[in-house]
Amino acid sequence: MLLALACATTAGAKVAARKGTTPLARARQLILVTTRDWTAVQGTLQRFERKSAGGAWRRVGAAVPVVVGRGGLGWGEGLNMTTRPPGDVVPAAPAKKEGDGRAPAGVFRLGHAFGFAPRSEASWLRMPYMPLAPSVECVDDVASRHYNLIVDRDALKSVDWNSSERMRSVEGYRWGLVVEHNADAPVPGRGSCIFLHIWAGPEKGTAGCTAMEQTNLEELLRWLDQKKLPLLVQLPQGEYTRLRTAWRLPRLDGK
């Protein structure tokens, strides 16, 4: 088994793409993560939904605390270039790199959910689901042809990496969700294996993922619906304020 971190585009997304609309314009679910600044580890996650593409966002549920990378945030490889307004210049800010301990900032599609539970116990999910076998790994070796892919070691004829995450051995991956960072033709060194997952505590930053308390993650997973083309937006508050109008994002006060 070999799975790209990018999830297959749905038929609805393909139709919308042919019409020339942007991913942000056609998304009907939005996960918004904001932090105080580029170096902050603690942040807030809010959920928004709308009835139709391009409609008004409404808040869903309460805001919940999250942690991002132990190094804060850095611009990632997602949908940022397609959502930036013409002529917009990104201010000087760190860029996400392999091993820097930063979570990616920007706009990202969401891939499959994963976890320790067998498929039969995850039927409540409305996202694709992958149960984690002990042989499933996410490759973070920049020299590997499988860089930034989730693979089943036992299903491959040869292994060409020296570094990977054995996902079943990570307690925080009891439940998780793939963030499609650097997923389309992954660029070696731009960052790999980015997920939403269970945190180790409210003060402990991650290696580059966004993490939260288990009950909050489970509530998030129950809410997400692949048919509504959900996206993740992660930004420091200053960047969110700068880009909110151009990207047509909801106000932080929910109005």
C-alpha atoms as a PDB file:
ATOM      1  CA  MET A   1       0.000   0.000   0.000  1.00  0.00           C
ATOM      2  CA  LEU A   2       1.233   3.458  -0.897  1.00  0.00           C
ATOM      3  CA  LEU A   3      -0.876   6.527  -0.242  1.00  0.00           C
ATOM      4  CA  ALA A   4      -0.042  10.071  -1.276  1.00  0.00           C
ATOM      5  CA  LEU A   5      -0.873  12.595   1.409  1.00  0.00           C
ATOM      6  CA  ALA A   6      -3.109  14.258  -1.176  1.00  0.00           C
ATOM      7  CA  CYS A   7      -6.617  12.836  -1.227  1.00  0.00           C
ATOM      8  CA  ALA A   8      -8.361  12.164  -4.545  1.00  0.00           C
ATOM      9  CA  THR A   9     -10.358  15.170  -5.675  1.00  0.00           C
ATOM     10  CA  THR A  10     -14.123  14.632  -5.479  1.00  0.00           C
ATOM     11  CA  ALA A  11     -16.336  14.885  -8.544  1.00  0.00           C
ATOM     12  CA  GLY A  12     -17.908  18.057  -7.178  1.00  0.00           C
ATOM     13  CA  ALA A  13     -14.517  19.695  -6.790  1.00  0.00           C
ATOM     14  CA  LYS A  14     -13.599  18.781 -10.371  1.00  0.00           C
ATOM     15  CA  VAL A  15     -16.747  20.435 -11.686  1.00  0.00           C
ATOM     16  CA  ALA A  16     -16.137  23.555  -9.598  1.00  0.00           C
ATOM     17  CA  ALA A  17     -12.540  23.689 -10.765  1.00  0.00           C
ATOM     18  CA  ARG A  18     -13.656  23.669 -14.398  1.00  0.00           C
ATOM     19  CA  LYS A  19     -15.855  26.644 -13.613  1.00  0.00           C
ATOM     20  CA  GLY A  20     -12.785  28.541 -12.440  1.00  0.00           C
ATOM     21  CA  THR A  21     -13.773  28.993  -8.799  1.00  0.00           C
ATOM     22  CA  THR A  22     -11.093  28.848  -6.123  1.00  0.00           C
ATOM     23  CA  PRO A  23     -10.941  26.167  -3.425  1.00  0.00           C
ATOM     24  CA  LEU A  24     -11.776  28.755  -0.766  1.00  0.00           C
ATOM     25  CA  ALA A  25     -14.799  29.956  -2.718  1.00  0.00           C
ATOM     26  CA  ARG A  26     -16.298  26.482  -3.076  1.00  0.00           C
ATOM     27  CA  ALA A  27     -15.492  25.150   0.408  1.00  0.00           C
ATOM     28  CA  ARG A  28     -18.506  24.761   2.696  1.00  0.00           C
ATOM     29  CA  GLN A  29     -16.584  23.778   5.827  1.00  0.00           C
ATOM     30  CA  LEU A  30     -13.630  25.667   7.238  1.00  0.00           C
ATOM     31  CA  ILE A  31     -11.244  24.863  10.067  1.00  0.00           C
ATOM     32  CA  LEU A  32      -9.541  28.051  11.209  1.00  0.00           C
ATOM     33  CA  VAL A  33      -6.417  27.937  13.386  1.00  0.00           C
ATOM     34  CA  THR A  34      -4.883  31.204  14.558  1.00  0.00           C
ATOM     35  CA  THR A  35      -1.889  31.919  16.779  1.00  0.00           C
ATOM     36  CA  ARG A  36      -0.657  35.110  18.439  1.00  0.00           C
ATOM     37  CA  ASP A  37       2.337  35.430  16.093  1.00  0.00           C
ATOM     38  CA  TRP A  38       4.772  33.363  14.024  1.00  0.00           C
ATOM     39  CA  THR A  39       6.596  31.935  17.064  1.00  0.00           C
ATOM     40  CA  ALA A  40       3.622  31.127  19.316  1.00  0.00           C
ATOM     41  CA  VAL A  41       3.007  27.467  20.124  1.00  0.00           C
ATOM     42  CA  GLN A  42      -0.507  27.838  21.548  1.00  0.00           C
ATOM     43  CA  GLY A  43      -3.411  28.705  19.286  1.00  0.00           C
ATOM     44  CA  THR A  44      -7.174  28.509  18.844  1.00  0.00           C
ATOM     45  CA  LEU A  45      -9.223  26.349  16.501  1.00  0.00           C
ATOM     46  CA  GLN A  46     -12.639  27.480  15.284  1.00  0.00           C
ATOM     47  CA  ARG A  47     -15.090  25.770  12.943  1.00  0.00           C
ATOM     48  CA  PHE A  48     -17.248  27.451  10.320  1.00  0.00           C
ATOM     49  CA  GLU A  49     -19.803  26.178   7.844  1.00  0.00           C
ATOM     50  CA  ARG A  50     -22.043  27.614   5.129  1.00  0.00           C
ATOM     51  CA  LYS A  51     -24.996  26.326   3.138  1.00  0.00           C
ATOM     52  CA  SER A  52     -23.591  27.077  -0.287  1.00  0.00           C
ATOM     53  CA  ALA A  53     -20.307  27.931  -1.973  1.00  0.00           C
ATOM     54  CA  GLY A  54     -19.563  31.626  -1.638  1.00  0.00           C
ATOM     55  CA  GLY A  55     -22.221  32.112   1.050  1.00  0.00           C
ATOM     56  CA  ALA A  56     -21.889  33.591   4.513  1.00  0.00           C
ATOM     57  CA  TRP A  57     -19.904  31.635   7.078  1.00  0.00           C
ATOM     58  CA  ARG A  58     -21.486  30.737  10.421  1.00  0.00           C
ATOM     59  CA  ARG A  59     -19.628  29.549  13.488  1.00  0.00           C
ATOM     60  CA  VAL A  60     -20.097  25.941  14.582  1.00  0.00           C
ATOM     61  CA  GLY A  61     -19.486  25.021  18.221  1.00  0.00           C
ATOM     62  CA  ALA A  62     -17.030  26.616  20.602  1.00  0.00           C
ATOM     63  CA  ALA A  63     -13.433  27.611  19.966  1.00  0.00           C
ATOM     64  CA  VAL A  64     -10.941  25.068  21.320  1.00  0.00           C
ATOM     65  CA  PRO A  65      -7.262  25.342  22.285  1.00  0.00           C
ATOM     66  CA  VAL A  66      -4.600  23.770  20.083  1.00  0.00           C
ATOM     67  CA  VAL A  67      -0.847  23.615  19.855  1.00  0.00           C
ATOM     68  CA  VAL A  68       1.132  23.968  16.644  1.00  0.00           C
ATOM     69  CA  GLY A  69       4.803  23.286  15.974  1.00  0.00           C
ATOM     70  CA  ARG A  70       7.304  23.840  18.763  1.00  0.00           C
ATOM     71  CA  GLY A  71       8.848  26.475  16.466  1.00  0.00           C
ATOM     72  CA  GLY A  72       5.518  28.152  15.720  1.00  0.00           C
ATOM     73  CA  LEU A  73       4.287  28.605  12.142  1.00  0.00           C
ATOM     74  CA  GLY A  74       6.017  29.001   8.766  1.00  0.00           C
ATOM     75  CA  TRP A  75       4.545  29.488   5.285  1.00  0.00           C
ATOM     76  CA  GLY A  76       3.700  26.080   3.871  1.00  0.00           C
ATOM     77  CA  GLU A  77       3.055  24.510   0.475  1.00  0.00           C
ATOM     78  CA  GLY A  78      -0.713  24.391   0.032  1.00  0.00           C
ATOM     79  CA  LEU A  79      -3.315  26.436  -1.811  1.00  0.00           C
ATOM     80  CA  ASN A  80      -1.741  29.761  -0.800  1.00  0.00           C
ATOM     81  CA  MET A  81      -0.690  30.783  -4.299  1.00  0.00           C
ATOM     82  CA  THR A  82      -4.151  30.204  -5.768  1.00  0.00           C
ATOM     83  CA  THR A  83      -5.907  32.115  -3.005  1.00  0.00           C
ATOM     84  CA  ARG A  84      -3.653  35.188  -2.806  1.00  0.00           C
ATOM     85  CA  PRO A  85      -5.143  38.271  -4.481  1.00  0.00           C
ATOM     86  CA  PRO A  86      -3.332  39.548  -7.620  1.00  0.00           C
ATOM     87  CA  GLY A  87      -0.318  41.663  -6.738  1.00  0.00           C
ATOM     88  CA  ASP A  88      -0.269  40.536  -3.123  1.00  0.00           C
ATOM     89  CA  VAL A  89       3.232  40.283  -1.691  1.00  0.00           C
ATOM     90  CA  VAL A  90       3.766  37.991   1.283  1.00  0.00           C
ATOM     91  CA  PRO A  91       5.643  39.894   4.009  1.00  0.00           C
ATOM     92  CA  ALA A  92       8.938  38.541   5.220  1.00  0.00           C
ATOM     93  CA  ALA A  93       8.132  35.470   7.263  1.00  0.00           C
ATOM     94  CA  PRO A  94       9.619  32.035   7.858  1.00  0.00           C
ATOM     95  CA  ALA A  95       9.003  29.264   5.352  1.00  0.00           C
ATOM     96  CA  LYS A  96       8.215  25.736   6.492  1.00  0.00           C
ATOM     97  CA  LYS A  97      11.178  23.354   6.064  1.00  0.00           C
ATOM     98  CA  GLU A  98      11.826  19.751   6.982  1.00  0.00           C
ATOM     99  CA  GLY A  99      12.842  19.383  10.624  1.00  0.00           C
ATOM    100  CA  ASP A 100      12.297  23.029  11.609  1.00  0.00           C
ATOM    101  CA  GLY A 101       9.562  22.255  14.139  1.00  0.00           C
ATOM    102  CA  ARG A 102       7.136  24.677  12.475  1.00  0.00           C
ATOM    103  CA  ALA A 103       3.570  23.910  11.469  1.00  0.00           C
ATOM    104  CA  PRO A 104       2.639  25.126   7.977  1.00  0.00           C
ATOM    105  CA  ALA A 105       0.739  28.392   7.571  1.00  0.00           C
ATOM    106  CA  GLY A 106      -1.620  28.874   4.654  1.00  0.00           C
ATOM    107  CA  VAL A 107      -4.659  27.175   3.139  1.00  0.00           C
ATOM    108  CA  PHE A 108      -4.756  23.392   2.881  1.00  0.00           C
ATOM    109  CA  ARG A 109      -7.021  20.650   1.672  1.00  0.00           C
ATOM    110  CA  LEU A 110      -7.676  17.774   4.044  1.00  0.00           C
ATOM    111  CA  GLY A 111      -6.920  14.168   3.193  1.00  0.00           C
ATOM    112  CA  HIS A 112      -7.980  10.951   4.861  1.00  0.00           C
ATOM    113  CA  ALA A 113      -8.556  10.361   8.552  1.00  0.00           C
ATOM    114  CA  PHE A 114      -6.571   7.625  10.269  1.00  0.00           C
ATOM    115  CA  GLY A 115      -6.406   5.890  13.599  1.00  0.00           C
ATOM    116  CA  PHE A 116      -5.909   2.752  15.654  1.00  0.00           C
ATOM    117  CA  ALA A 117      -9.542   1.638  15.325  1.00  0.00           C
ATOM    118  CA  PRO A 118     -10.499  -0.930  12.691  1.00  0.00           C
ATOM    119  CA  ARG A 119     -12.553   0.371   9.796  1.00  0.00           C
ATOM    120  CA  SER A 120     -15.739  -1.123  11.267  1.00  0.00           C
ATOM    121  CA  GLU A 121     -15.402   1.139  14.331  1.00  0.00           C
ATOM    122  CA  ALA A 122     -14.929   4.295  12.273  1.00  0.00           C
ATOM    123  CA  SER A 123     -18.131   4.108  10.243  1.00  0.00           C
ATOM    124  CA  TRP A 124     -19.280   7.394  11.792  1.00  0.00           C
ATOM    125  CA  LEU A 125     -16.654   9.292   9.802  1.00  0.00           C
ATOM    126  CA  ARG A 126     -17.650  11.194   6.651  1.00  0.00           C
ATOM    127  CA  MET A 127     -14.024  11.421   5.536  1.00  0.00           C
ATOM    128  CA  PRO A 128     -12.026   8.555   3.983  1.00  0.00           C
ATOM    129  CA  TYR A 129     -10.441   6.450   6.743  1.00  0.00           C
ATOM    130  CA  MET A 130      -7.252   4.416   6.980  1.00  0.00           C
ATOM    131  CA  PRO A 131      -6.698   2.079   9.957  1.00  0.00           C
ATOM    132  CA  LEU A 132      -3.054   2.120  11.022  1.00  0.00           C
ATOM    133  CA  ALA A 133      -1.351  -1.252  10.835  1.00  0.00           C
ATOM    134  CA  PRO A 134       2.021  -1.631  12.613  1.00  0.00           C
ATOM    135  CA  SER A 135       3.751  -1.578   9.215  1.00  0.00           C
ATOM    136  CA  VAL A 136       2.319   1.810   8.148  1.00  0.00           C
ATOM    137  CA  GLU A 137       4.893   4.596   8.058  1.00  0.00           C
ATOM    138  CA  CYS A 138       5.084   8.202   6.938  1.00  0.00           C
ATOM    139  CA  VAL A 139       8.386   8.843   5.185  1.00  0.00           C
ATOM    140  CA  ASP A 140      10.301  12.014   6.110  1.00  0.00           C
ATOM    141  CA  ASP A 141      13.618  11.106   4.453  1.00  0.00           C
ATOM    142  CA  VAL A 142      14.238  13.810   1.825  1.00  0.00           C
ATOM    143  CA  ALA A 143      16.327  11.383  -0.269  1.00  0.00           C
ATOM    144  CA  SER A 144      13.518   8.840  -0.601  1.00  0.00           C
ATOM    145  CA  ARG A 145      11.243   8.571  -3.619  1.00  0.00           C
ATOM    146  CA  HIS A 146       8.476   8.036  -1.030  1.00  0.00           C
ATOM    147  CA  TYR A 147       9.117  11.371   0.706  1.00  0.00           C
ATOM    148  CA  ASN A 148       5.949  12.769   2.307  1.00  0.00           C
ATOM    149  CA  LEU A 149       3.980   9.609   1.535  1.00  0.00           C
ATOM    150  CA  ILE A 150       2.233   7.222   3.883  1.00  0.00           C
ATOM    151  CA  VAL A 151       3.303   3.698   2.960  1.00  0.00           C
ATOM    152  CA  ASP A 152       2.893   0.135   4.141  1.00  0.00           C
ATOM    153  CA  ARG A 153       6.445  -1.151   4.526  1.00  0.00           C
ATOM    154  CA  ASP A 154       5.337  -4.773   4.225  1.00  0.00           C
ATOM    155  CA  ALA A 155       3.672  -4.138   0.862  1.00  0.00           C
ATOM    156  CA  LEU A 156       6.759  -2.662  -0.809  1.00  0.00           C
ATOM    157  CA  LYS A 157       9.418  -4.634  -2.623  1.00  0.00           C
ATOM    158  CA  SER A 158      12.201  -2.337  -1.414  1.00  0.00           C
ATOM    159  CA  VAL A 159      12.700   0.350   1.212  1.00  0.00           C
ATOM    160  CA  ASP A 160      14.779   3.385   0.257  1.00  0.00           C
ATOM    161  CA  TRP A 161      14.420   5.542   3.376  1.00  0.00           C
ATOM    162  CA  ASN A 162      16.383   5.859   6.596  1.00  0.00           C
ATOM    163  CA  SER A 163      13.867   8.010   8.448  1.00  0.00           C
ATOM    164  CA  SER A 164      10.125   7.677   8.935  1.00  0.00           C
ATOM    165  CA  GLU A 165       7.326   7.790  11.485  1.00  0.00           C
ATOM    166  CA  ARG A 166       5.952   4.396  12.478  1.00  0.00           C
ATOM    167  CA  MET A 167       2.487   5.763  12.892  1.00  0.00           C
ATOM    168  CA  ARG A 168       0.915   2.986  14.966  1.00  0.00           C
ATOM    169  CA  SER A 169       3.558   3.555  17.669  1.00  0.00           C
ATOM    170  CA  VAL A 170       2.629   7.235  18.139  1.00  0.00           C
ATOM    171  CA  GLU A 171      -0.054   7.532  20.819  1.00  0.00           C
ATOM    172  CA  GLY A 172      -1.146  10.906  19.449  1.00  0.00           C
ATOM    173  CA  TYR A 173      -2.160   9.183  16.226  1.00  0.00           C
ATOM    174  CA  ARG A 174      -4.917   7.187  17.904  1.00  0.00           C
ATOM    175  CA  TRP A 175      -7.054   9.532  15.825  1.00  0.00           C
ATOM    176  CA  GLY A 176      -5.773  11.911  13.183  1.00  0.00           C
ATOM    177  CA  LEU A 177      -6.313  13.625   9.864  1.00  0.00           C
ATOM    178  CA  VAL A 178      -3.915  14.287   6.997  1.00  0.00           C
ATOM    179  CA  VAL A 179      -3.196  17.931   6.133  1.00  0.00           C
ATOM    180  CA  GLU A 180      -2.286  18.173   2.451  1.00  0.00           C
ATOM    181  CA  HIS A 181       0.886  20.211   2.870  1.00  0.00           C
ATOM    182  CA  ASN A 182       3.540  19.794   0.147  1.00  0.00           C
ATOM    183  CA  ALA A 183       1.343  17.021  -1.190  1.00  0.00           C
ATOM    184  CA  ASP A 184       1.127  17.674  -4.929  1.00  0.00           C
ATOM    185  CA  ALA A 185       4.501  16.506  -6.294  1.00  0.00           C
ATOM    186  CA  PRO A 186       6.231  16.853  -2.900  1.00  0.00           C
ATOM    187  CA  VAL A 187       9.331  19.045  -2.889  1.00  0.00           C
ATOM    188  CA  PRO A 188      12.125  17.422  -0.841  1.00  0.00           C
ATOM    189  CA  GLY A 189      12.892  19.503   2.221  1.00  0.00           C
ATOM    190  CA  ARG A 190       9.682  21.556   2.267  1.00  0.00           C
ATOM    191  CA  GLY A 191       8.147  19.500   5.063  1.00  0.00           C
ATOM    192  CA  SER A 192       6.387  16.181   5.466  1.00  0.00           C
ATOM    193  CA  CYS A 193       3.916  14.164   7.528  1.00  0.00           C
ATOM    194  CA  ILE A 194       1.673  17.027   8.620  1.00  0.00           C
ATOM    195  CA  PHE A 195      -1.470  16.020  10.505  1.00  0.00           C
ATOM    196  CA  LEU A 196      -4.170  17.104  12.906  1.00  0.00           C
ATOM    197  CA  HIS A 197      -3.836  14.763  15.875  1.00  0.00           C
ATOM    198  CA  ILE A 198      -4.152  14.334  19.656  1.00  0.00           C
ATOM    199  CA  TRP A 199      -1.835  16.512  21.726  1.00  0.00           C
ATOM    200  CA  ALA A 200       0.619  15.522  24.429  1.00  0.00           C
ATOM    201  CA  GLY A 201      -0.547  18.502  26.492  1.00  0.00           C
ATOM    202  CA  PRO A 202      -1.544  22.173  26.212  1.00  0.00           C
ATOM    203  CA  GLU A 203       2.027  23.403  26.626  1.00  0.00           C
ATOM    204  CA  LYS A 204       3.836  20.921  24.392  1.00  0.00           C
ATOM    205  CA  GLY A 205       4.383  21.923  20.757  1.00  0.00           C
ATOM    206  CA  THR A 206       4.615  19.336  18.004  1.00  0.00           C
ATOM    207  CA  ALA A 207       7.217  18.536  15.362  1.00  0.00           C
ATOM    208  CA  GLY A 208       5.083  20.418  12.816  1.00  0.00           C
ATOM    209  CA  CYS A 209       1.506  19.227  13.209  1.00  0.00           C
ATOM    210  CA  THR A 210      -1.504  20.857  14.866  1.00  0.00           C
ATOM    211  CA  ALA A 211      -2.751  18.984  17.903  1.00  0.00           C
ATOM    212  CA  MET A 212      -5.594  19.176  20.400  1.00  0.00           C
ATOM    213  CA  GLU A 213      -7.307  17.317  23.219  1.00  0.00           C
ATOM    214  CA  GLN A 214      -8.767  13.974  22.098  1.00  0.00           C
ATOM    215  CA  THR A 215     -12.438  14.819  22.695  1.00  0.00           C
ATOM    216  CA  ASN A 216     -12.056  18.016  20.654  1.00  0.00           C
ATOM    217  CA  LEU A 217     -10.437  16.115  17.799  1.00  0.00           C
ATOM    218  CA  GLU A 218     -13.161  13.484  17.825  1.00  0.00           C
ATOM    219  CA  GLU A 219     -15.831  16.209  17.690  1.00  0.00           C
ATOM    220  CA  LEU A 220     -13.994  17.787  14.760  1.00  0.00           C
ATOM    221  CA  LEU A 221     -13.807  14.466  12.921  1.00  0.00           C
ATOM    222  CA  ARG A 222     -17.512  13.811  13.466  1.00  0.00           C
ATOM    223  CA  TRP A 223     -18.336  17.196  11.962  1.00  0.00           C
ATOM    224  CA  LEU A 224     -16.144  17.019   8.868  1.00  0.00           C
ATOM    225  CA  ASP A 225     -17.827  15.951   5.642  1.00  0.00           C
ATOM    226  CA  GLN A 226     -15.810  15.232   2.494  1.00  0.00           C
ATOM    227  CA  LYS A 227     -18.764  16.311   0.348  1.00  0.00           C
ATOM    228  CA  LYS A 228     -18.528  19.837   1.787  1.00  0.00           C
ATOM    229  CA  LEU A 229     -14.926  20.241   0.547  1.00  0.00           C
ATOM    230  CA  PRO A 230     -13.458  21.223   3.930  1.00  0.00           C
ATOM    231  CA  LEU A 231     -10.298  23.307   4.138  1.00  0.00           C
ATOM    232  CA  LEU A 232      -7.826  24.201   6.876  1.00  0.00           C
ATOM    233  CA  VAL A 233      -6.607  27.780   7.219  1.00  0.00           C
ATOM    234  CA  GLN A 234      -3.685  28.348   9.618  1.00  0.00           C
ATOM    235  CA  LEU A 235      -2.301  31.844  10.161  1.00  0.00           C
ATOM    236  CA  PRO A 236      -0.872  34.129  12.810  1.00  0.00           C
ATOM    237  CA  GLN A 237      -3.481  36.706  13.816  1.00  0.00           C
ATOM    238  CA  GLY A 238      -1.692  39.530  12.011  1.00  0.00           C
ATOM    239  CA  GLU A 239      -1.696  37.655   8.718  1.00  0.00           C
ATOM    240  CA  TYR A 240      -5.308  36.632   9.209  1.00  0.00           C
ATOM    241  CA  THR A 241      -6.297  40.278   9.653  1.00  0.00           C
ATOM    242  CA  ARG A 242      -4.320  41.254   6.539  1.00  0.00           C
ATOM    243  CA  LEU A 243      -5.786  38.544   4.318  1.00  0.00           C
ATOM    244  CA  ARG A 244      -9.307  38.078   5.709  1.00  0.00           C
ATOM    245  CA  THR A 245     -11.127  40.364   3.301  1.00  0.00           C
ATOM    246  CA  ALA A 246      -9.247  39.260   0.182  1.00  0.00           C
ATOM    247  CA  TRP A 247      -9.744  35.597   1.027  1.00  0.00           C
ATOM    248  CA  ARG A 248     -13.374  36.188   2.157  1.00  0.00           C
ATOM    249  CA  LEU A 249     -12.815  34.500   5.475  1.00  0.00           C
ATOM    250  CA  PRO A 250     -15.106  34.854   8.515  1.00  0.00           C
ATOM    251  CA  ARG A 251     -14.420  37.438  11.186  1.00  0.00           C
ATOM    252  CA  LEU A 252     -12.831  36.075  14.330  1.00  0.00           C
ATOM    253  CA  ASP A 253     -15.752  37.380  16.366  1.00  0.00           C
ATOM    254  CA  GLY A 254     -18.063  35.241  14.229  1.00  0.00           C
ATOM    255  CA  LYS A 255     -19.998  38.167  12.709  1.00  0.00           C
END
